[in-house]
Amino acid sequence: MPEPREYPGIGVGSTAAVGPCARFAAPPAAPADEPVPSGAEAIAAAGAALAEALEQVSAELRAAAAEHPGETLGDVLSATAEMADDPALADRAARIIAEGNGPANAMTKAVAEFAATLTGIGGYLAERVTDLNSVRDRTVARLLGPATPGLRTIDEPAVVIAHELTPADTSSLDMTKVIALVTEVGGPTSHTAIIARQLGLPCVVRAAGATQIPEGALVAVDGARGSVVVAPDEATREAIVRRMERHRALATDTAPGATSDGHPIQLLANIGGVADARSAAGKAVEGVGLFRTEFVFLDAAAEPGVAEQTGIYREVLKAFTGRKVVVRTLDAGADKPLAYANPAHESNPALGQRAYRLVRSVPHLMEHQLRALAAAIDDCPDTEAWVMAPMISTAGEAADFRRRADEAGLGARARIGVMVEVPAVALCADQVLQHVDFVSIGTNDLAQYTMAADRELGALSDLIDRWQPAVLRLVEATARAGAASGTPVGVCGESASDPLMALVLCGLGITSLSMSTPAVPAVRFALRHTSLATCRAMARAAIDAPDAAAAVSAVQELLDPRVREAMSLD
């Protein structure tokens, strides 16, 4: 039996779990003594074997994507398959073989070159290196003969531990058996963290050394505290059991969101497509606060037609008949480039032609999407439709989006809004709100652009912490402008899923919170046991704090004991 030991990291979610460790096997590496093909025929055969392996990997990824239609995971898997299909990658590997390398080493070297290019570009594209490495590992595994890298078959609930979990890795997991996720790398917005939030699983990322935990060892994973404990004692195990019982009890409350003194705040769901919509519609949410429409575009070789888009949007809206659905128009570019829209190369794509800025070069994308939304909304008159544009930077852009929406016929069918992700919009919110019916704050990007830190870079997670007072001040400025004009101001970033932060956002004047559906019960409970006056005091304390850690501590001191217990802060 292993000795008790704790592996600290960055926690995701407020839940915890105890179970045996199931480690993801390390992918096979290209052997140093790999035979080198000699002669034209052997070199050609090695190149053909590598090309065939890439084709098999692409087919495998596309099959996995097909199992997740309309979901973010499916979109990412499709994009990873396109990497395997890239002829430039196969051609470069073939040339490296001809230079005197075996196919596995050639693949490794070719990927290293492509990865260096993506890393040099930086921003979101640097994060795609993880997916590129996944293609490498799966291709090398096929060349060498072992099974595809992955997890042993697990027959009982287990804690999955890996150095890193790619989308392809995640797709291979039987999530009915996974009770927690742990990785040695990543950050609060990494793929693993996002999946954990969507599924309501406790998760710890950046837990250095966690892959050293022996297979089958009993492990306690605490998402609230950001800790992984090997061989937890009986008291720890019992405390986790009690905690999870409390969380299950929270789900029995299905009332609309409100503070203890009756101040309303809508609790909404984030969704990525039709499958997500149908799942969330069965949960106790007041509607959808963020419908990401880019999945319609990312898996397409050419722009989807208006009729195709209309059909998909109609299905999402129908799922929420009688409720509110906030639709975000296409957010492509940066980490989600479109071959038929985005420039082939941008020095810093996170600051380039992404999202609404695509109207500068391909305005028909926005025109067609707005027409499709208008038609879908016409077919769903009992759904309350709201439509917003991402990555707005000026009041002029907000006015331009309003004009385009009106020309498409949306003005009479839906409320028109924009996202607040750029500090300039928060600082000029009073001007922006003159042109729209609502705004929604995307706290992930707002933090990234405020703190000048890549949100995908785990090493900078302290800078993009949602508790940074500078970010909270921008949220406050936006909410204040909304209150002055009577305009709804929502939050649809990851901040909304944190019960403690939800109280602060309420105190700042936010009118709705949108999050992954598993996070809703805990947020509802925290609001229900906190008055609006206390929320406002928490907001003031957080904003006045010198740093993120001090902001958290200041707010915790004002918590109701019942909320402290539910969040396991004692």
Protein backbone atom coordinates (compact mmCIF):
# COMPACT_ATOMS: atom_id res chain seq x y z
CA MET A 1 0.00 0.00 0.00
CA PRO A 2 1.49 3.38 -0.97
CA GLU A 3 2.38 5.97 1.65
CA PRO A 4 -0.05 8.88 2.10
CA ARG A 5 1.00 11.82 -0.05
CA GLU A 6 -0.59 14.95 -1.45
CA TYR A 7 -0.11 16.32 -4.97
CA PRO A 8 -1.35 19.94 -5.05
CA GLY A 9 -2.57 21.56 -8.26
CA ILE A 10 -5.24 23.83 -9.68
CA GLY A 11 -8.73 22.72 -8.74
CA VAL A 12 -11.69 22.69 -11.09
CA GLY A 13 -15.25 22.58 -9.75
CA SER A 14 -16.48 22.26 -6.19
CA THR A 15 -16.93 18.50 -5.95
CA ALA A 16 -14.67 15.67 -4.77
CA ALA A 17 -14.34 11.92 -5.25
CA VAL A 18 -12.44 8.90 -3.92
CA GLY A 19 -11.51 5.89 -6.01
CA PRO A 20 -8.72 3.76 -7.48
CA CYS A 21 -6.17 5.31 -9.79
CA ALA A 22 -6.36 4.43 -13.50
CA ARG A 23 -3.32 5.84 -15.30
CA PHE A 24 -3.25 6.76 -18.94
CA ALA A 25 -0.43 4.86 -20.54
CA ALA A 26 2.46 6.97 -21.79
CA PRO A 27 2.50 7.02 -25.58
CA PRO A 28 5.27 5.07 -27.32
CA ALA A 29 8.29 7.09 -28.40
CA ALA A 30 10.20 6.64 -31.62
CA PRO A 31 13.10 4.28 -30.80
CA ALA A 32 16.61 5.63 -31.12
CA ASP A 33 17.67 2.43 -32.90
CA GLU A 34 14.79 2.44 -35.43
CA PRO A 35 15.96 0.86 -38.71
CA VAL A 36 16.70 3.40 -41.42
CA PRO A 37 15.42 2.48 -44.89
CA SER A 38 18.11 2.21 -47.53
CA GLY A 39 17.49 2.51 -51.25
CA ALA A 40 14.71 4.16 -53.21
CA GLU A 41 12.29 1.26 -52.87
CA ALA A 42 12.68 0.97 -49.09
CA ILE A 43 12.40 4.74 -48.65
CA ALA A 44 9.22 4.80 -50.73
CA ALA A 45 7.79 1.90 -48.71
CA ALA A 46 8.53 3.69 -45.43
CA GLY A 47 6.86 6.85 -46.72
CA ALA A 48 3.83 4.84 -47.81
CA ALA A 49 3.60 3.18 -44.38
CA LEU A 50 3.68 6.56 -42.68
CA ALA A 51 1.02 7.97 -45.02
CA GLU A 52 -1.20 4.94 -44.35
CA ALA A 53 -0.76 5.36 -40.58
CA LEU A 54 -1.80 9.02 -40.86
CA GLU A 55 -4.87 8.02 -42.86
CA GLN A 56 -5.82 5.48 -40.18
CA VAL A 57 -5.39 8.09 -37.43
CA SER A 58 -7.55 10.55 -39.37
CA ALA A 59 -10.27 7.94 -39.86
CA GLU A 60 -10.13 7.05 -36.16
CA LEU A 61 -10.50 10.70 -35.13
CA ARG A 62 -13.36 11.34 -37.54
CA ALA A 63 -15.18 8.27 -36.27
CA ALA A 64 -14.78 9.56 -32.72
CA ALA A 65 -16.02 13.00 -33.80
CA ALA A 66 -19.11 11.44 -35.35
CA GLU A 67 -20.05 10.08 -31.92
CA HIS A 68 -20.25 13.64 -30.57
CA PRO A 69 -22.31 15.57 -33.16
CA GLY A 70 -23.02 19.17 -32.27
CA GLU A 71 -20.65 19.05 -29.31
CA THR A 72 -17.43 20.95 -28.69
CA LEU A 73 -15.52 17.68 -28.37
CA GLY A 74 -16.69 16.57 -31.79
CA ASP A 75 -15.56 19.86 -33.32
CA VAL A 76 -12.11 19.58 -31.79
CA LEU A 77 -11.71 15.96 -32.92
CA SER A 78 -12.65 16.94 -36.47
CA ALA A 79 -10.07 19.72 -36.41
CA THR A 80 -7.44 17.27 -35.13
CA ALA A 81 -8.32 14.87 -37.97
CA GLU A 82 -7.65 17.70 -40.40
CA MET A 83 -4.14 17.96 -38.96
CA ALA A 84 -3.58 14.28 -39.74
CA ASP A 85 -4.90 14.92 -43.27
CA ASP A 86 -2.57 17.85 -43.89
CA PRO A 87 -0.44 16.90 -46.93
CA ALA A 88 2.29 19.27 -45.80
CA LEU A 89 2.86 17.15 -42.69
CA ALA A 90 3.06 13.90 -44.65
CA ASP A 91 5.32 15.47 -47.28
CA ARG A 92 7.71 16.86 -44.69
CA ALA A 93 7.90 13.51 -42.89
CA ALA A 94 8.60 11.76 -46.22
CA ARG A 95 11.50 14.13 -46.91
CA ILE A 96 12.91 13.46 -43.43
CA ILE A 97 12.77 9.71 -44.15
CA ALA A 98 14.76 10.32 -47.34
CA GLU A 99 17.33 12.25 -45.30
CA GLY A 100 18.13 9.08 -43.36
CA ASN A 101 15.47 8.45 -40.69
CA GLY A 102 12.99 5.71 -39.86
CA PRO A 103 9.28 6.60 -40.29
CA ALA A 104 8.55 6.91 -36.54
CA ASN A 105 11.49 9.28 -36.01
CA ALA A 106 10.59 11.15 -39.18
CA MET A 107 7.06 11.70 -37.90
CA THR A 108 8.42 12.90 -34.56
CA LYS A 109 10.80 15.37 -36.19
CA ALA A 110 8.18 16.67 -38.66
CA VAL A 111 5.70 17.32 -35.85
CA ALA A 112 8.40 19.06 -33.81
CA GLU A 113 8.96 21.48 -36.69
CA PHE A 114 5.25 22.19 -37.13
CA ALA A 115 4.81 22.55 -33.36
CA ALA A 116 7.65 25.07 -33.20
CA THR A 117 5.88 27.13 -35.86
CA LEU A 118 2.59 27.12 -33.94
CA THR A 119 4.36 27.95 -30.68
CA GLY A 120 6.15 30.82 -32.37
CA ILE A 121 2.83 32.23 -33.59
CA GLY A 122 1.61 32.07 -30.00
CA GLY A 123 -1.83 32.79 -28.66
CA TYR A 124 -4.53 30.23 -29.28
CA LEU A 125 -2.67 28.46 -32.07
CA ALA A 126 0.06 27.50 -29.63
CA GLU A 127 -2.56 25.46 -27.77
CA ARG A 128 -3.11 23.37 -30.92
CA VAL A 129 0.30 21.82 -30.30
CA THR A 130 -1.43 19.45 -27.88
CA ASP A 131 -3.64 18.15 -30.69
CA LEU A 132 -0.69 17.94 -33.08
CA ASN A 133 1.24 15.88 -30.56
CA SER A 134 -1.77 13.60 -30.26
CA VAL A 135 -1.59 12.96 -34.02
CA ARG A 136 2.12 12.19 -33.64
CA ASP A 137 1.59 9.75 -30.77
CA ARG A 138 -1.19 7.88 -32.54
CA THR A 139 0.74 7.69 -35.79
CA VAL A 140 3.93 6.47 -34.10
CA ALA A 141 1.91 3.86 -32.19
CA ARG A 142 0.51 2.51 -35.46
CA LEU A 143 3.94 2.45 -37.05
CA LEU A 144 5.48 0.56 -34.13
CA GLY A 145 2.62 -1.88 -33.67
CA PRO A 146 1.30 -1.28 -30.10
CA ALA A 147 -2.30 -0.38 -29.54
CA THR A 148 -3.37 3.25 -29.75
CA PRO A 149 -2.26 5.16 -26.63
CA GLY A 150 -4.95 5.19 -24.04
CA LEU A 151 -6.36 3.73 -20.90
CA ARG A 152 -6.78 0.16 -19.87
CA THR A 153 -10.37 -1.00 -19.74
CA ILE A 154 -11.82 -0.02 -16.37
CA ASP A 155 -14.62 -2.07 -14.89
CA GLU A 156 -15.30 0.07 -11.85
CA PRO A 157 -15.45 3.81 -11.08
CA ALA A 158 -11.93 5.21 -11.18
CA VAL A 159 -9.84 8.38 -11.03
CA VAL A 160 -8.16 8.90 -14.41
CA ILE A 161 -4.65 10.33 -14.14
CA ALA A 162 -2.54 11.42 -17.11
CA HIS A 163 0.30 13.74 -17.96
CA GLU A 164 -2.07 15.41 -20.40
CA LEU A 165 -5.48 14.50 -21.79
CA THR A 166 -6.08 15.46 -25.40
CA PRO A 167 -9.57 15.60 -26.88
CA ALA A 168 -8.81 12.32 -28.65
CA ASP A 169 -7.84 10.77 -25.32
CA THR A 170 -11.04 12.00 -23.71
CA SER A 171 -13.18 10.55 -26.49
CA SER A 172 -11.80 7.09 -25.71
CA LEU A 173 -12.89 7.18 -22.08
CA ASP A 174 -16.00 5.50 -20.76
CA MET A 175 -17.19 8.54 -18.83
CA THR A 176 -19.73 6.44 -16.93
CA LYS A 177 -16.75 4.92 -15.12
CA VAL A 178 -14.73 8.13 -14.61
CA ILE A 179 -15.29 9.82 -11.25
CA ALA A 180 -12.46 12.39 -11.42
CA LEU A 181 -9.73 13.69 -13.74
CA VAL A 182 -6.13 14.61 -12.87
CA THR A 183 -3.40 15.91 -15.18
CA GLU A 184 0.15 17.09 -14.63
CA VAL A 185 -0.17 20.00 -17.07
CA GLY A 186 -2.90 22.37 -18.22
CA GLY A 187 -4.75 25.26 -16.70
CA PRO A 188 -8.26 26.25 -15.61
CA THR A 189 -9.36 26.68 -19.25
CA SER A 190 -7.61 23.61 -20.68
CA HIS A 191 -9.57 20.92 -22.49
CA THR A 192 -9.52 18.66 -19.43
CA ALA A 193 -10.87 21.41 -17.19
CA ILE A 194 -13.65 22.29 -19.63
CA ILE A 195 -14.74 18.66 -19.96
CA ALA A 196 -14.72 18.25 -16.18
CA ARG A 197 -16.97 21.29 -15.75
CA GLN A 198 -19.36 20.09 -18.42
CA LEU A 199 -19.70 16.71 -16.73
CA GLY A 200 -19.63 17.96 -13.15
CA LEU A 201 -16.51 15.91 -12.36
CA PRO A 202 -13.94 16.92 -9.74
CA CYS A 203 -10.70 17.77 -11.47
CA VAL A 204 -7.18 18.90 -10.61
CA VAL A 205 -4.77 20.13 -13.29
CA ARG A 206 -1.05 21.00 -12.98
CA ALA A 207 -0.64 18.33 -10.29
CA ALA A 208 3.09 17.80 -10.76
CA GLY A 209 4.21 14.20 -10.37
CA ALA A 210 0.71 12.73 -10.28
CA THR A 211 1.53 10.09 -12.89
CA GLN A 212 3.86 8.53 -10.32
CA ILE A 213 0.83 7.37 -8.34
CA PRO A 214 0.68 3.56 -8.58
CA GLU A 215 -2.03 1.95 -10.68
CA GLY A 216 -4.97 0.98 -8.47
CA ALA A 217 -3.91 3.12 -5.50
CA LEU A 218 -6.79 4.76 -3.62
CA VAL A 219 -6.90 8.46 -4.46
CA ALA A 220 -8.98 11.40 -3.18
CA VAL A 221 -9.47 14.24 -5.67
CA ASP A 222 -10.78 17.56 -4.37
CA GLY A 223 -11.72 20.05 -7.09
CA ALA A 224 -12.51 22.80 -4.58
CA ARG A 225 -9.16 22.62 -2.81
CA GLY A 226 -7.05 21.62 -5.82
CA SER A 227 -5.55 18.58 -4.12
CA VAL A 228 -4.88 14.94 -5.00
CA VAL A 229 -4.27 12.73 -1.94
CA VAL A 230 -2.93 9.19 -2.19
CA ALA A 231 -4.11 6.75 0.50
CA PRO A 232 -6.54 9.20 2.18
CA ASP A 233 -7.45 8.41 5.78
CA GLU A 234 -10.93 7.36 6.85
CA ALA A 235 -11.90 10.85 8.02
CA THR A 236 -11.05 12.33 4.62
CA ARG A 237 -13.03 9.66 2.80
CA GLU A 238 -16.07 10.11 5.04
CA ALA A 239 -15.95 13.90 4.63
CA ILE A 240 -16.00 13.52 0.85
CA VAL A 241 -18.97 11.16 1.01
CA ARG A 242 -20.90 13.67 3.13
CA ARG A 243 -19.94 16.46 0.77
CA MET A 244 -21.20 14.63 -2.29
CA GLU A 245 -24.46 13.82 -0.52
CA ARG A 246 -24.91 17.55 0.07
CA HIS A 247 -24.24 18.30 -3.60
CA ARG A 248 -26.81 15.73 -4.71
CA ALA A 249 -29.32 17.30 -2.33
CA LEU A 250 -28.73 20.72 -3.89
CA ALA A 251 -30.04 19.43 -7.22
CA THR A 252 -33.52 18.95 -5.75
CA ASP A 253 -34.01 22.73 -5.69
CA THR A 254 -35.26 23.78 -9.13
CA ALA A 255 -36.57 27.28 -8.38
CA PRO A 256 -35.41 30.30 -10.43
CA GLY A 257 -32.21 31.96 -9.31
CA ALA A 258 -32.56 34.60 -6.59
CA THR A 259 -30.83 35.93 -3.48
CA SER A 260 -32.20 35.20 -0.01
CA ASP A 261 -34.17 38.45 -0.09
CA GLY A 262 -35.71 37.75 -3.49
CA HIS A 263 -33.44 39.67 -5.87
CA PRO A 264 -33.68 37.72 -9.17
CA ILE A 265 -30.65 36.58 -11.17
CA GLN A 266 -31.22 34.21 -14.07
CA LEU A 267 -29.35 30.90 -14.08
CA LEU A 268 -28.67 29.79 -17.66
CA ALA A 269 -26.76 27.05 -19.48
CA ASN A 270 -23.81 27.17 -21.88
CA ILE A 271 -24.28 24.84 -24.86
CA GLY A 272 -22.34 23.94 -28.00
CA GLY A 273 -24.91 22.36 -30.28
CA VAL A 274 -28.09 20.33 -30.69
CA ALA A 275 -27.00 17.46 -28.43
CA ASP A 276 -25.99 19.89 -25.68
CA ALA A 277 -29.29 21.75 -26.05
CA ARG A 278 -31.41 18.63 -25.67
CA SER A 279 -29.44 17.58 -22.61
CA ALA A 280 -29.56 21.00 -20.92
CA ALA A 281 -33.26 21.43 -21.69
CA GLY A 282 -34.04 18.64 -19.23
CA LYS A 283 -32.20 20.42 -16.42
CA ALA A 284 -33.41 23.09 -14.00
CA VAL A 285 -32.12 26.09 -15.95
CA GLU A 286 -34.01 29.18 -17.05
CA GLY A 287 -32.70 28.97 -20.58
CA VAL A 288 -29.46 29.26 -22.50
CA GLY A 289 -27.02 32.10 -21.87
CA LEU A 290 -24.50 31.06 -24.50
CA PHE A 291 -25.18 29.00 -27.60
CA ARG A 292 -21.86 28.64 -29.42
CA THR A 293 -22.70 28.41 -33.12
CA GLU A 294 -19.19 27.86 -34.46
CA PHE A 295 -19.60 24.06 -34.39
CA VAL A 296 -21.78 24.47 -37.49
CA PHE A 297 -18.82 25.96 -39.36
CA LEU A 298 -15.70 24.29 -37.95
CA ASP A 299 -16.38 20.82 -39.37
CA ALA A 300 -17.24 22.07 -42.84
CA ALA A 301 -14.95 22.27 -45.87
CA ALA A 302 -17.00 25.20 -47.15
CA GLU A 303 -19.46 27.64 -45.62
CA PRO A 304 -22.68 25.83 -44.57
CA GLY A 305 -25.69 27.02 -46.54
CA VAL A 306 -28.47 29.13 -45.06
CA ALA A 307 -30.93 26.21 -45.13
CA GLU A 308 -28.49 23.91 -43.31
CA GLN A 309 -27.82 26.51 -40.64
CA THR A 310 -31.52 27.24 -40.24
CA GLY A 311 -32.29 23.58 -39.55
CA ILE A 312 -29.67 23.33 -36.80
CA TYR A 313 -30.62 26.59 -35.11
CA ARG A 314 -34.29 25.58 -35.24
CA GLU A 315 -33.56 22.35 -33.33
CA VAL A 316 -31.75 24.24 -30.57
CA LEU A 317 -34.50 26.83 -30.22
CA LYS A 318 -37.23 24.16 -30.19
CA ALA A 319 -35.51 22.40 -27.30
CA PHE A 320 -36.05 25.52 -25.18
CA THR A 321 -39.61 26.42 -26.11
CA GLY A 322 -40.94 28.85 -23.52
CA ARG A 323 -37.46 29.79 -22.35
CA LYS A 324 -34.67 32.16 -23.31
CA VAL A 325 -31.84 31.30 -25.73
CA VAL A 326 -28.88 33.64 -26.25
CA VAL A 327 -27.21 32.85 -29.57
CA ARG A 328 -23.62 33.91 -30.17
CA THR A 329 -22.78 34.47 -33.80
CA LEU A 330 -19.71 32.87 -35.35
CA ASP A 331 -16.62 33.07 -33.15
CA ALA A 332 -13.98 31.76 -35.56
CA GLY A 333 -10.31 32.55 -35.83
CA ALA A 334 -7.43 32.21 -33.37
CA ASP A 335 -7.76 28.63 -32.05
CA LYS A 336 -10.77 27.98 -34.33
CA PRO A 337 -9.62 29.02 -37.81
CA LEU A 338 -11.77 28.50 -40.90
CA ALA A 339 -9.93 27.52 -44.05
CA TYR A 340 -12.48 29.43 -46.11
CA ALA A 341 -12.43 32.57 -43.98
CA ASN A 342 -9.35 33.22 -41.90
CA PRO A 343 -5.98 34.41 -43.23
CA ALA A 344 -3.45 31.63 -43.73
CA HIS A 345 -1.09 33.29 -41.26
CA GLU A 346 -1.35 35.95 -38.61
CA SER A 347 1.50 36.88 -36.29
CA ASN A 348 -0.89 36.99 -33.32
CA PRO A 349 -4.25 35.43 -34.22
CA ALA A 350 -5.76 36.11 -30.78
CA LEU A 351 -5.50 39.78 -31.72
CA GLY A 352 -6.32 39.32 -35.37
CA GLN A 353 -9.32 38.72 -37.61
CA ARG A 354 -11.46 36.60 -35.34
CA ALA A 355 -15.16 36.54 -34.50
CA TYR A 356 -17.02 39.71 -35.52
CA ARG A 357 -13.92 41.10 -37.21
CA LEU A 358 -14.44 38.62 -40.06
CA VAL A 359 -17.01 41.06 -41.49
CA ARG A 360 -14.00 43.06 -42.69
CA SER A 361 -12.95 40.33 -45.12
CA VAL A 362 -15.86 37.87 -45.49
CA PRO A 363 -19.04 39.81 -44.66
CA HIS A 364 -21.27 37.22 -46.31
CA LEU A 365 -20.63 34.79 -43.41
CA MET A 366 -22.39 37.15 -41.00
CA GLU A 367 -25.12 38.01 -43.52
CA HIS A 368 -25.97 34.37 -44.16
CA GLN A 369 -25.89 33.42 -40.47
CA LEU A 370 -28.21 36.25 -39.49
CA ARG A 371 -30.65 35.28 -42.26
CA ALA A 372 -30.59 31.66 -41.04
CA LEU A 373 -31.21 32.77 -37.46
CA ALA A 374 -34.13 34.95 -38.53
CA ALA A 375 -35.73 32.01 -40.35
CA ALA A 376 -35.18 29.63 -37.40
CA ILE A 377 -36.64 32.15 -34.94
CA ASP A 378 -39.68 32.56 -37.18
CA ASP A 379 -40.26 28.81 -36.84
CA CYS A 380 -39.96 28.94 -33.03
CA PRO A 381 -42.15 31.88 -31.94
CA ASP A 382 -42.50 30.58 -28.38
CA THR A 383 -38.76 30.67 -27.71
CA GLU A 384 -37.37 33.97 -26.42
CA ALA A 385 -34.45 34.59 -28.81
CA TRP A 386 -31.49 36.85 -28.06
CA VAL A 387 -28.62 37.23 -30.59
CA MET A 388 -25.19 38.65 -29.83
CA ALA A 389 -21.89 39.22 -31.61
CA PRO A 390 -18.51 38.30 -30.06
CA MET A 391 -15.26 40.27 -30.04
CA ILE A 392 -16.79 43.73 -30.34
CA SER A 393 -14.22 46.47 -29.71
CA THR A 394 -16.01 49.80 -30.27
CA ALA A 395 -19.42 51.42 -30.07
CA GLY A 396 -19.23 51.75 -33.85
CA GLU A 397 -18.91 47.98 -34.25
CA ALA A 398 -21.88 47.48 -31.93
CA ALA A 399 -23.92 49.89 -34.08
CA ASP A 400 -22.78 48.09 -37.22
CA PHE A 401 -23.88 44.71 -35.85
CA ARG A 402 -27.22 46.20 -34.91
CA ARG A 403 -27.64 47.47 -38.48
CA ARG A 404 -26.76 44.09 -39.98
CA ALA A 405 -29.17 42.31 -37.62
CA ASP A 406 -31.98 44.71 -38.51
CA GLU A 407 -31.33 44.28 -42.23
CA ALA A 408 -31.61 40.51 -41.79
CA GLY A 409 -34.98 40.98 -40.12
CA LEU A 410 -33.82 40.06 -36.63
CA GLY A 411 -34.66 43.36 -35.01
CA ALA A 412 -38.36 42.49 -34.88
CA ARG A 413 -37.75 38.89 -33.88
CA ALA A 414 -35.04 38.97 -31.19
CA ARG A 415 -33.14 41.10 -28.76
CA ILE A 416 -29.80 42.22 -30.20
CA GLY A 417 -26.64 42.39 -28.10
CA VAL A 418 -22.87 42.13 -28.05
CA MET A 419 -20.23 40.48 -25.93
CA VAL A 420 -17.89 42.35 -23.61
CA GLU A 421 -14.53 40.61 -23.99
CA VAL A 422 -12.31 43.57 -24.87
CA PRO A 423 -11.43 46.07 -22.11
CA ALA A 424 -12.18 48.97 -24.45
CA VAL A 425 -15.86 47.96 -24.55
CA ALA A 426 -16.10 47.73 -20.76
CA LEU A 427 -14.53 51.17 -20.43
CA CYS A 428 -16.95 52.65 -22.99
CA ALA A 429 -19.96 50.54 -22.03
CA ASP A 430 -22.27 53.58 -21.79
CA GLN A 431 -21.63 54.31 -25.48
CA VAL A 432 -21.96 50.67 -26.56
CA LEU A 433 -25.27 50.25 -24.73
CA GLN A 434 -26.84 53.01 -26.81
CA HIS A 435 -26.95 50.58 -29.73
CA VAL A 436 -27.96 47.22 -28.21
CA ASP A 437 -30.59 45.57 -26.03
CA PHE A 438 -28.17 43.65 -23.80
CA VAL A 439 -24.54 42.70 -23.28
CA SER A 440 -22.90 39.51 -22.03
CA ILE A 441 -19.44 39.44 -20.48
CA GLY A 442 -17.04 36.70 -21.57
CA THR A 443 -14.76 36.63 -18.56
CA ASN A 444 -12.22 34.22 -20.07
CA ASP A 445 -11.23 36.54 -22.91
CA LEU A 446 -11.76 39.68 -20.82
CA ALA A 447 -9.20 38.39 -18.32
CA GLN A 448 -6.82 37.40 -21.11
CA TYR A 449 -6.90 40.79 -22.78
CA THR A 450 -6.86 42.74 -19.52
CA MET A 451 -3.90 40.89 -18.04
CA ALA A 452 -1.99 40.40 -21.34
CA ALA A 453 -1.72 36.68 -20.58
CA ASP A 454 -2.62 33.75 -22.82
CA ARG A 455 -5.61 32.08 -21.19
CA GLU A 456 -4.42 28.67 -22.44
CA LEU A 457 -0.97 28.94 -20.88
CA GLY A 458 -1.05 27.15 -17.56
CA ALA A 459 2.14 28.81 -16.36
CA LEU A 460 0.29 32.16 -16.34
CA SER A 461 -2.84 30.91 -14.60
CA ASP A 462 -2.24 33.30 -11.69
CA LEU A 463 -2.51 36.28 -14.03
CA ILE A 464 -5.72 35.17 -15.69
CA ASP A 465 -7.32 34.23 -12.39
CA ARG A 466 -10.98 35.27 -12.48
CA TRP A 467 -10.46 37.00 -9.14
CA GLN A 468 -8.00 39.58 -10.47
CA PRO A 469 -9.35 42.91 -9.14
CA ALA A 470 -8.61 44.65 -12.45
CA VAL A 471 -10.93 42.27 -14.29
CA LEU A 472 -13.63 42.68 -11.64
CA ARG A 473 -13.43 46.47 -12.01
CA LEU A 474 -14.18 46.15 -15.71
CA VAL A 475 -17.15 43.92 -14.91
CA GLU A 476 -18.33 46.54 -12.41
CA ALA A 477 -18.01 49.34 -14.97
CA THR A 478 -20.09 47.39 -17.48
CA ALA A 479 -22.77 46.48 -14.93
CA ARG A 480 -22.97 50.07 -13.71
CA ALA A 481 -23.57 51.29 -17.25
CA GLY A 482 -26.21 48.61 -17.72
CA ALA A 483 -28.02 49.62 -14.54
CA ALA A 484 -27.98 53.29 -15.58
CA SER A 485 -29.63 52.51 -18.92
CA GLY A 486 -31.82 49.63 -17.74
CA THR A 487 -29.94 47.18 -19.97
CA PRO A 488 -29.42 43.53 -18.94
CA VAL A 489 -25.78 42.59 -18.33
CA GLY A 490 -24.99 38.87 -18.14
CA VAL A 491 -21.85 36.80 -17.64
CA CYS A 492 -21.24 33.70 -19.73
CA GLY A 493 -17.60 32.95 -18.91
CA GLU A 494 -16.25 30.33 -16.53
CA SER A 495 -16.54 32.78 -13.64
CA ALA A 496 -20.28 32.18 -13.53
CA SER A 497 -19.82 28.52 -12.54
CA ASP A 498 -17.98 29.40 -9.32
CA PRO A 499 -20.56 29.81 -6.51
CA LEU A 500 -18.34 32.25 -4.64
CA MET A 501 -17.70 34.36 -7.71
CA ALA A 502 -21.41 34.18 -8.60
CA LEU A 503 -22.17 36.05 -5.37
CA VAL A 504 -19.64 38.73 -6.28
CA LEU A 505 -21.05 39.07 -9.80
CA CYS A 506 -24.53 39.46 -8.35
CA GLY A 507 -23.21 42.17 -6.06
CA LEU A 508 -21.61 43.96 -9.02
CA GLY A 509 -25.02 44.21 -10.71
CA ILE A 510 -24.93 41.27 -13.12
CA THR A 511 -28.46 40.18 -14.09
CA SER A 512 -27.84 36.65 -15.41
CA LEU A 513 -25.23 33.91 -15.07
CA SER A 514 -24.60 31.26 -17.73
CA MET A 515 -22.56 28.15 -16.98
CA SER A 516 -22.21 24.42 -17.54
CA THR A 517 -25.38 22.77 -16.26
CA PRO A 518 -23.70 20.70 -13.49
CA ALA A 519 -22.60 23.95 -11.84
CA VAL A 520 -26.11 25.38 -11.52
CA PRO A 521 -27.28 23.70 -8.27
CA ALA A 522 -24.33 24.95 -6.20
CA VAL A 523 -24.65 28.48 -7.61
CA ARG A 524 -28.40 28.49 -6.93
CA PHE A 525 -27.78 27.36 -3.32
CA ALA A 526 -25.15 30.04 -2.69
CA LEU A 527 -27.44 32.78 -3.99
CA ARG A 528 -30.43 31.49 -2.04
CA HIS A 529 -28.49 31.76 1.24
CA THR A 530 -27.00 35.20 0.65
CA SER A 531 -28.72 38.59 0.67
CA LEU A 532 -28.20 41.19 -2.03
CA ALA A 533 -26.60 43.50 0.54
CA THR A 534 -24.07 40.82 1.43
CA CYS A 535 -23.37 40.17 -2.26
CA ARG A 536 -22.65 43.87 -2.68
CA ALA A 537 -20.34 43.87 0.33
CA MET A 538 -18.52 40.87 -1.15
CA ALA A 539 -18.14 42.66 -4.47
CA ARG A 540 -16.68 45.73 -2.78
CA ALA A 541 -14.25 43.60 -0.77
CA ALA A 542 -13.07 41.75 -3.89
CA ILE A 543 -12.56 44.89 -5.94
CA ASP A 544 -10.67 46.64 -3.15
CA ALA A 545 -8.33 43.66 -2.60
CA PRO A 546 -4.69 44.02 -3.70
CA ASP A 547 -4.63 40.72 -5.58
CA ALA A 548 -6.68 37.67 -6.53
CA ALA A 549 -5.81 35.61 -3.46
CA ALA A 550 -6.73 38.44 -1.11
CA ALA A 551 -10.00 38.94 -3.00
CA VAL A 552 -10.99 35.31 -2.42
CA SER A 553 -10.11 35.48 1.27
CA ALA A 554 -12.05 38.70 1.79
CA VAL A 555 -15.19 37.24 0.21
CA GLN A 556 -14.95 33.97 2.11
CA GLU A 557 -15.02 35.87 5.40
CA LEU A 558 -18.51 37.16 4.54
CA LEU A 559 -19.99 33.78 3.59
CA ASP A 560 -23.01 32.31 5.32
CA PRO A 561 -21.92 29.21 7.32
CA ARG A 562 -24.32 27.02 5.31
CA VAL A 563 -22.64 28.08 2.07
CA ARG A 564 -19.20 27.53 3.60
CA GLU A 565 -20.24 24.01 4.52
CA ALA A 566 -21.73 23.29 1.08
CA MET A 567 -18.52 24.52 -0.56
CA SER A 568 -16.38 22.60 1.96
CA LEU A 569 -14.43 25.70 2.96
CA ASP A 570 -14.21 24.83 6.65
